[in-house]
C-alpha cells in the first residue's frame, strides 16, 4: 500500500533523472572545483526526498573562524509530485518560502526548465 501515491518505481525514476541533472549539468557548471574561502563556500550539490517533494540542495562549508568547517544545506529548487508523471516546479526564495513557478509539468519538462531557466541556476 502506498500512502503518498508515488510508487517506488516512480520515485526511483525521478531520483535517477534528477541525479543525472546534478552530475552532468549542475556540478560541472556551478561547482567544478571546491574553492575554500574565509566565508561560506559551496562544497556539494545534491538532491533529497522530503515526502513527495524532491529538493535540489547546495551544501556549504563555513570558513569563518568561529564555526570553521561546519556545513549547512541551502535548497534552491524543488520538484513536487502531483500525480502520475505530473510535477510542479518550485523555486526557493531568499525569504525561506517556496514559490511555484510551473504547474503540471512532465518530469522531462521539469528537468529541461531546471537546465535552461537561469532563475534556477546557482550563483
N, C-alpha and C. Protein backbone atom coordinates (compact mmCIF):
# COMPACT_ATOMS: atom_id res chain seq x y z
N UNK A 1 0.83 -1.18 0.00
CA UNK A 1 0.00 0.00 0.00
C UNK A 1 0.88 1.24 0.00
N UNK A 2 0.50 2.23 -0.79
CA UNK A 2 1.27 3.46 -0.90
C UNK A 2 0.48 4.59 -0.26
N UNK A 3 1.08 5.22 0.71
CA UNK A 3 0.38 6.32 1.37
C UNK A 3 0.49 7.62 0.58
N UNK A 4 1.56 7.79 -0.16
CA UNK A 4 1.76 9.05 -0.88
C UNK A 4 1.20 9.01 -2.30
N UNK A 5 0.94 7.82 -2.83
CA UNK A 5 0.51 7.70 -4.21
C UNK A 5 1.68 7.60 -5.18
N UNK A 6 2.87 7.86 -4.72
CA UNK A 6 4.07 7.80 -5.54
C UNK A 6 4.70 6.43 -5.33
N UNK A 7 4.74 5.63 -6.38
CA UNK A 7 5.29 4.28 -6.25
C UNK A 7 6.81 4.31 -6.14
N UNK A 8 7.36 3.22 -5.66
CA UNK A 8 8.82 3.11 -5.54
C UNK A 8 9.48 3.20 -6.92
N UNK A 9 8.83 2.65 -7.93
CA UNK A 9 9.37 2.71 -9.29
C UNK A 9 9.39 4.15 -9.80
N UNK A 10 8.29 4.88 -9.58
CA UNK A 10 8.23 6.28 -10.00
C UNK A 10 9.27 7.11 -9.25
N UNK A 11 9.39 6.87 -7.96
CA UNK A 11 10.35 7.61 -7.15
C UNK A 11 11.78 7.35 -7.62
N UNK A 12 12.05 6.11 -7.96
CA UNK A 12 13.37 5.74 -8.47
C UNK A 12 13.67 6.43 -9.80
N UNK A 13 12.68 6.51 -10.67
CA UNK A 13 12.87 7.16 -11.97
C UNK A 13 13.13 8.66 -11.80
N UNK A 14 12.40 9.29 -10.88
CA UNK A 14 12.61 10.72 -10.61
C UNK A 14 14.00 10.93 -10.03
N UNK A 15 14.39 10.10 -9.08
CA UNK A 15 15.71 10.21 -8.47
C UNK A 15 16.81 10.08 -9.52
N UNK A 16 16.69 9.12 -10.40
CA UNK A 16 17.70 8.91 -11.43
C UNK A 16 17.80 10.10 -12.38
N UNK A 17 16.65 10.64 -12.81
CA UNK A 17 16.66 11.79 -13.71
C UNK A 17 17.27 13.02 -13.03
N UNK A 18 16.92 13.23 -11.79
CA UNK A 18 17.44 14.39 -11.05
C UNK A 18 18.93 14.23 -10.77
N UNK A 19 19.37 13.02 -10.43
CA UNK A 19 20.79 12.79 -10.18
C UNK A 19 21.60 12.99 -11.46
N UNK A 20 21.03 12.59 -12.58
CA UNK A 20 21.68 12.82 -13.88
C UNK A 20 21.86 14.33 -14.12
N UNK A 21 20.83 15.11 -13.83
CA UNK A 21 20.92 16.58 -13.96
C UNK A 21 22.02 17.13 -13.06
N UNK A 22 22.06 16.67 -11.83
CA UNK A 22 23.07 17.13 -10.87
C UNK A 22 24.48 16.78 -11.36
N UNK A 23 24.68 15.52 -11.72
CA UNK A 23 26.02 15.05 -12.09
C UNK A 23 26.51 15.59 -13.43
N UNK A 24 25.60 15.71 -14.39
CA UNK A 24 26.02 16.07 -15.74
C UNK A 24 25.86 17.54 -16.10
N UNK A 25 25.11 18.28 -15.30
CA UNK A 25 24.90 19.70 -15.62
C UNK A 25 25.24 20.62 -14.45
N UNK A 26 24.59 20.43 -13.32
CA UNK A 26 24.75 21.38 -12.21
C UNK A 26 26.17 21.39 -11.64
N UNK A 27 26.70 20.22 -11.30
CA UNK A 27 28.05 20.19 -10.72
C UNK A 27 29.12 20.68 -11.69
N UNK A 28 29.15 20.18 -12.93
CA UNK A 28 30.19 20.68 -13.85
C UNK A 28 30.09 22.18 -14.11
N UNK A 29 28.88 22.70 -14.16
CA UNK A 29 28.71 24.12 -14.49
C UNK A 29 28.89 25.04 -13.28
N UNK A 30 28.36 24.64 -12.13
CA UNK A 30 28.34 25.54 -10.98
C UNK A 30 29.27 25.16 -9.84
N UNK A 31 29.84 23.96 -9.88
CA UNK A 31 30.76 23.55 -8.83
C UNK A 31 31.84 22.61 -9.40
N UNK A 32 32.59 23.11 -10.40
CA UNK A 32 33.62 22.24 -10.99
C UNK A 32 34.74 21.92 -10.00
N UNK A 33 35.02 22.85 -9.09
CA UNK A 33 36.01 22.64 -8.03
C UNK A 33 35.52 23.31 -6.76
N UNK A 34 36.03 22.83 -5.65
CA UNK A 34 35.72 23.46 -4.35
C UNK A 34 36.81 24.47 -4.06
N UNK A 35 36.39 25.70 -3.81
CA UNK A 35 37.35 26.78 -3.54
C UNK A 35 37.11 27.34 -2.14
N UNK A 36 37.87 26.84 -1.16
CA UNK A 36 37.69 27.36 0.21
C UNK A 36 37.95 28.86 0.28
N UNK A 37 37.13 29.52 1.10
CA UNK A 37 37.28 30.96 1.34
C UNK A 37 37.17 31.21 2.83
N UNK A 38 37.33 32.46 3.21
CA UNK A 38 37.17 32.82 4.61
C UNK A 38 35.70 32.98 4.99
N UNK A 39 34.81 32.84 4.01
CA UNK A 39 33.37 32.96 4.23
C UNK A 39 32.71 31.60 4.02
N UNK A 40 31.41 31.54 3.81
CA UNK A 40 30.73 30.30 3.45
C UNK A 40 30.99 30.02 1.98
N UNK A 41 31.30 28.77 1.65
CA UNK A 41 31.59 28.42 0.27
C UNK A 41 30.94 27.07 -0.06
N UNK A 42 30.49 26.89 -1.32
CA UNK A 42 29.81 25.65 -1.69
C UNK A 42 30.79 24.47 -1.78
N UNK A 43 30.31 23.31 -1.31
CA UNK A 43 31.13 22.10 -1.35
C UNK A 43 30.43 20.94 -2.05
N UNK A 44 29.12 21.06 -2.30
CA UNK A 44 28.41 19.97 -2.96
C UNK A 44 27.06 20.45 -3.48
N UNK A 45 26.54 19.73 -4.45
CA UNK A 45 25.18 19.90 -4.93
C UNK A 45 24.55 18.52 -4.88
N UNK A 46 23.41 18.39 -4.25
CA UNK A 46 22.79 17.10 -4.06
C UNK A 46 21.27 17.20 -4.11
N UNK A 47 20.62 16.07 -4.07
CA UNK A 47 19.17 16.03 -4.04
C UNK A 47 18.69 15.15 -2.91
N UNK A 48 17.52 15.48 -2.36
CA UNK A 48 16.94 14.71 -1.26
C UNK A 48 15.43 14.71 -1.39
N UNK A 49 14.82 13.59 -1.05
CA UNK A 49 13.37 13.49 -0.98
C UNK A 49 12.88 13.98 0.38
N UNK A 50 11.76 14.65 0.36
CA UNK A 50 11.03 15.03 1.57
C UNK A 50 9.56 14.75 1.26
N UNK A 51 9.11 13.53 1.61
CA UNK A 51 7.77 13.10 1.22
C UNK A 51 7.70 12.92 -0.28
N UNK A 52 6.81 13.66 -0.94
CA UNK A 52 6.65 13.57 -2.39
C UNK A 52 7.33 14.74 -3.09
N UNK A 53 8.26 15.37 -2.41
CA UNK A 53 8.98 16.52 -2.96
C UNK A 53 10.47 16.19 -3.05
N UNK A 54 11.05 16.42 -4.23
CA UNK A 54 12.48 16.20 -4.42
C UNK A 54 13.15 17.57 -4.43
N UNK A 55 14.02 17.80 -3.46
CA UNK A 55 14.68 19.10 -3.34
C UNK A 55 16.10 19.04 -3.87
N UNK A 56 16.47 20.09 -4.60
CA UNK A 56 17.84 20.29 -5.05
C UNK A 56 18.50 21.21 -4.03
N UNK A 57 19.68 20.79 -3.56
CA UNK A 57 20.31 21.46 -2.42
C UNK A 57 21.76 21.76 -2.73
N UNK A 58 22.20 22.93 -2.29
CA UNK A 58 23.62 23.24 -2.34
C UNK A 58 24.13 23.20 -0.90
N UNK A 59 25.17 22.40 -0.67
CA UNK A 59 25.77 22.29 0.66
C UNK A 59 26.94 23.27 0.76
N UNK A 60 26.99 24.00 1.86
CA UNK A 60 28.05 24.99 2.11
C UNK A 60 28.87 24.59 3.33
N UNK A 61 30.10 25.05 3.33
CA UNK A 61 31.01 24.88 4.47
C UNK A 61 31.44 26.27 4.92
N UNK A 62 31.54 26.43 6.20
CA UNK A 62 31.93 27.73 6.75
C UNK A 62 33.44 27.87 6.80
N UNK A 63 33.90 29.06 6.42
CA UNK A 63 35.32 29.39 6.54
C UNK A 63 35.55 30.39 7.66
N UNK A 64 34.47 30.78 8.35
CA UNK A 64 34.58 31.73 9.45
C UNK A 64 35.28 31.08 10.64
N UNK A 65 36.18 31.79 11.31
CA UNK A 65 36.93 31.20 12.43
C UNK A 65 36.05 30.65 13.55
N UNK A 66 34.94 31.30 13.84
CA UNK A 66 34.10 30.88 14.98
C UNK A 66 33.32 29.58 14.70
N UNK A 67 33.14 29.19 13.44
CA UNK A 67 32.47 27.93 13.13
C UNK A 67 33.14 27.24 11.93
N UNK A 68 34.44 27.31 11.89
CA UNK A 68 35.25 26.77 10.80
C UNK A 68 34.89 25.30 10.53
N UNK A 69 34.58 25.00 9.30
CA UNK A 69 34.33 23.62 8.89
C UNK A 69 32.89 23.15 9.05
N UNK A 70 32.05 23.89 9.74
CA UNK A 70 30.65 23.48 9.88
C UNK A 70 29.97 23.57 8.52
N UNK A 71 29.04 22.66 8.27
CA UNK A 71 28.34 22.64 6.99
C UNK A 71 26.85 22.82 7.19
N UNK A 72 26.20 23.37 6.15
CA UNK A 72 24.75 23.53 6.16
C UNK A 72 24.23 23.43 4.74
N UNK A 73 22.95 23.10 4.63
CA UNK A 73 22.31 22.92 3.34
C UNK A 73 21.42 24.12 3.01
N UNK A 74 21.41 24.49 1.73
CA UNK A 74 20.56 25.57 1.24
C UNK A 74 19.82 25.07 -0.01
N UNK A 75 18.53 24.74 0.12
CA UNK A 75 17.79 24.30 -1.06
C UNK A 75 17.59 25.45 -2.03
N UNK A 76 17.49 25.13 -3.33
CA UNK A 76 17.29 26.19 -4.31
C UNK A 76 16.17 25.88 -5.29
N UNK A 77 15.77 24.62 -5.42
CA UNK A 77 14.68 24.25 -6.32
C UNK A 77 14.05 22.97 -5.80
N UNK A 78 12.80 22.74 -6.24
CA UNK A 78 12.08 21.56 -5.77
C UNK A 78 11.09 21.10 -6.84
N UNK A 79 11.01 19.79 -7.03
CA UNK A 79 10.02 19.18 -7.90
C UNK A 79 9.00 18.50 -7.00
N UNK A 80 7.74 18.92 -7.09
CA UNK A 80 6.67 18.33 -6.28
C UNK A 80 5.85 17.37 -7.13
N UNK A 81 5.76 16.12 -6.69
CA UNK A 81 4.95 15.14 -7.39
C UNK A 81 3.48 15.48 -7.13
N UNK A 82 2.71 15.59 -8.22
CA UNK A 82 1.29 15.93 -8.11
C UNK A 82 0.44 14.70 -8.42
N UNK A 83 0.71 14.06 -9.54
CA UNK A 83 0.02 12.84 -9.94
C UNK A 83 0.91 12.12 -10.94
N UNK A 84 0.42 11.04 -11.47
CA UNK A 84 1.25 10.24 -12.37
C UNK A 84 1.89 11.10 -13.45
N UNK A 85 3.22 11.18 -13.42
CA UNK A 85 4.05 11.96 -14.33
C UNK A 85 3.61 13.42 -14.45
N UNK A 86 3.19 14.01 -13.36
CA UNK A 86 2.88 15.45 -13.32
C UNK A 86 3.53 16.05 -12.08
N UNK A 87 4.23 17.16 -12.32
CA UNK A 87 5.01 17.78 -11.27
C UNK A 87 4.85 19.29 -11.30
N UNK A 88 4.95 19.89 -10.13
CA UNK A 88 5.07 21.34 -10.03
C UNK A 88 6.54 21.65 -9.76
N UNK A 89 7.00 22.76 -10.31
CA UNK A 89 8.39 23.16 -10.14
C UNK A 89 8.43 24.41 -9.27
N UNK A 90 9.15 24.32 -8.16
CA UNK A 90 9.19 25.40 -7.18
C UNK A 90 10.60 25.96 -7.06
N UNK A 91 10.64 27.24 -6.77
CA UNK A 91 11.88 27.97 -6.57
C UNK A 91 11.95 28.40 -5.11
N UNK A 92 13.10 28.25 -4.48
CA UNK A 92 13.27 28.63 -3.07
C UNK A 92 13.69 30.09 -2.98
N UNK A 93 12.82 30.89 -2.41
CA UNK A 93 13.09 32.32 -2.27
C UNK A 93 14.08 32.59 -1.14
N UNK A 94 14.71 33.73 -1.18
CA UNK A 94 15.65 34.14 -0.13
C UNK A 94 14.94 34.30 1.22
N UNK A 95 13.62 34.39 1.21
CA UNK A 95 12.84 34.53 2.45
C UNK A 95 12.62 33.20 3.14
N UNK A 96 13.01 32.10 2.47
CA UNK A 96 12.79 30.77 3.02
C UNK A 96 11.50 30.13 2.54
N UNK A 97 10.73 30.85 1.76
CA UNK A 97 9.47 30.32 1.23
C UNK A 97 9.68 29.71 -0.15
N UNK A 98 8.83 28.74 -0.46
CA UNK A 98 8.83 28.15 -1.79
C UNK A 98 7.82 28.87 -2.66
N UNK A 99 8.17 29.10 -3.92
CA UNK A 99 7.30 29.80 -4.86
C UNK A 99 7.13 28.93 -6.10
N UNK A 100 5.89 28.54 -6.40
CA UNK A 100 5.62 27.68 -7.55
C UNK A 100 5.67 28.50 -8.84
N UNK A 101 6.57 28.15 -9.73
CA UNK A 101 6.72 28.86 -11.00
C UNK A 101 6.08 28.11 -12.16
N UNK A 102 5.98 26.79 -12.05
CA UNK A 102 5.42 25.99 -13.15
C UNK A 102 4.56 24.89 -12.55
N UNK A 103 3.41 24.66 -13.17
CA UNK A 103 2.48 23.64 -12.68
C UNK A 103 2.19 22.59 -13.75
N UNK A 104 2.00 21.35 -13.29
CA UNK A 104 1.54 20.28 -14.16
C UNK A 104 2.51 19.85 -15.24
N UNK A 105 3.81 19.93 -14.97
CA UNK A 105 4.82 19.54 -15.96
C UNK A 105 5.08 18.04 -15.93
N UNK A 106 5.54 17.51 -17.06
CA UNK A 106 6.08 16.15 -17.04
C UNK A 106 7.46 16.23 -16.39
N UNK A 107 8.01 15.09 -16.04
CA UNK A 107 9.35 15.08 -15.45
C UNK A 107 10.37 15.63 -16.45
N UNK A 108 10.25 15.25 -17.70
CA UNK A 108 11.19 15.74 -18.73
C UNK A 108 11.10 17.25 -18.88
N UNK A 109 9.89 17.80 -18.85
CA UNK A 109 9.72 19.26 -18.94
C UNK A 109 10.34 19.96 -17.74
N UNK A 110 10.13 19.40 -16.55
CA UNK A 110 10.70 19.99 -15.33
C UNK A 110 12.22 20.00 -15.38
N UNK A 111 12.82 18.89 -15.81
CA UNK A 111 14.28 18.80 -15.91
C UNK A 111 14.79 19.80 -16.94
N UNK A 112 14.11 19.92 -18.08
CA UNK A 112 14.52 20.87 -19.12
C UNK A 112 14.49 22.31 -18.60
N UNK A 113 13.46 22.65 -17.84
CA UNK A 113 13.37 24.01 -17.28
C UNK A 113 14.48 24.24 -16.26
N UNK A 114 14.74 23.25 -15.42
CA UNK A 114 15.83 23.38 -14.45
C UNK A 114 17.17 23.60 -15.15
N UNK A 115 17.33 23.00 -16.29
CA UNK A 115 18.57 23.13 -17.07
C UNK A 115 18.66 24.49 -17.78
N UNK A 116 17.51 25.02 -18.24
CA UNK A 116 17.56 26.20 -19.11
C UNK A 116 17.16 27.53 -18.45
N UNK A 117 16.39 27.51 -17.40
CA UNK A 117 15.91 28.74 -16.78
C UNK A 117 16.93 29.25 -15.76
N UNK A 118 17.53 30.38 -16.03
CA UNK A 118 18.56 30.95 -15.16
C UNK A 118 18.13 31.24 -13.75
N UNK A 119 16.83 31.39 -13.50
CA UNK A 119 16.36 31.62 -12.14
C UNK A 119 16.69 30.45 -11.23
N UNK A 120 16.72 29.25 -11.78
CA UNK A 120 17.02 28.06 -11.00
C UNK A 120 18.51 27.77 -10.90
N UNK A 121 19.33 28.57 -11.54
CA UNK A 121 20.77 28.33 -11.53
C UNK A 121 21.43 28.95 -10.31
N UNK A 122 22.48 28.33 -9.90
CA UNK A 122 23.22 28.75 -8.69
C UNK A 122 24.15 29.91 -9.02
N UNK A 123 24.44 30.67 -8.03
CA UNK A 123 25.36 31.80 -8.22
C UNK A 123 26.53 31.69 -7.29
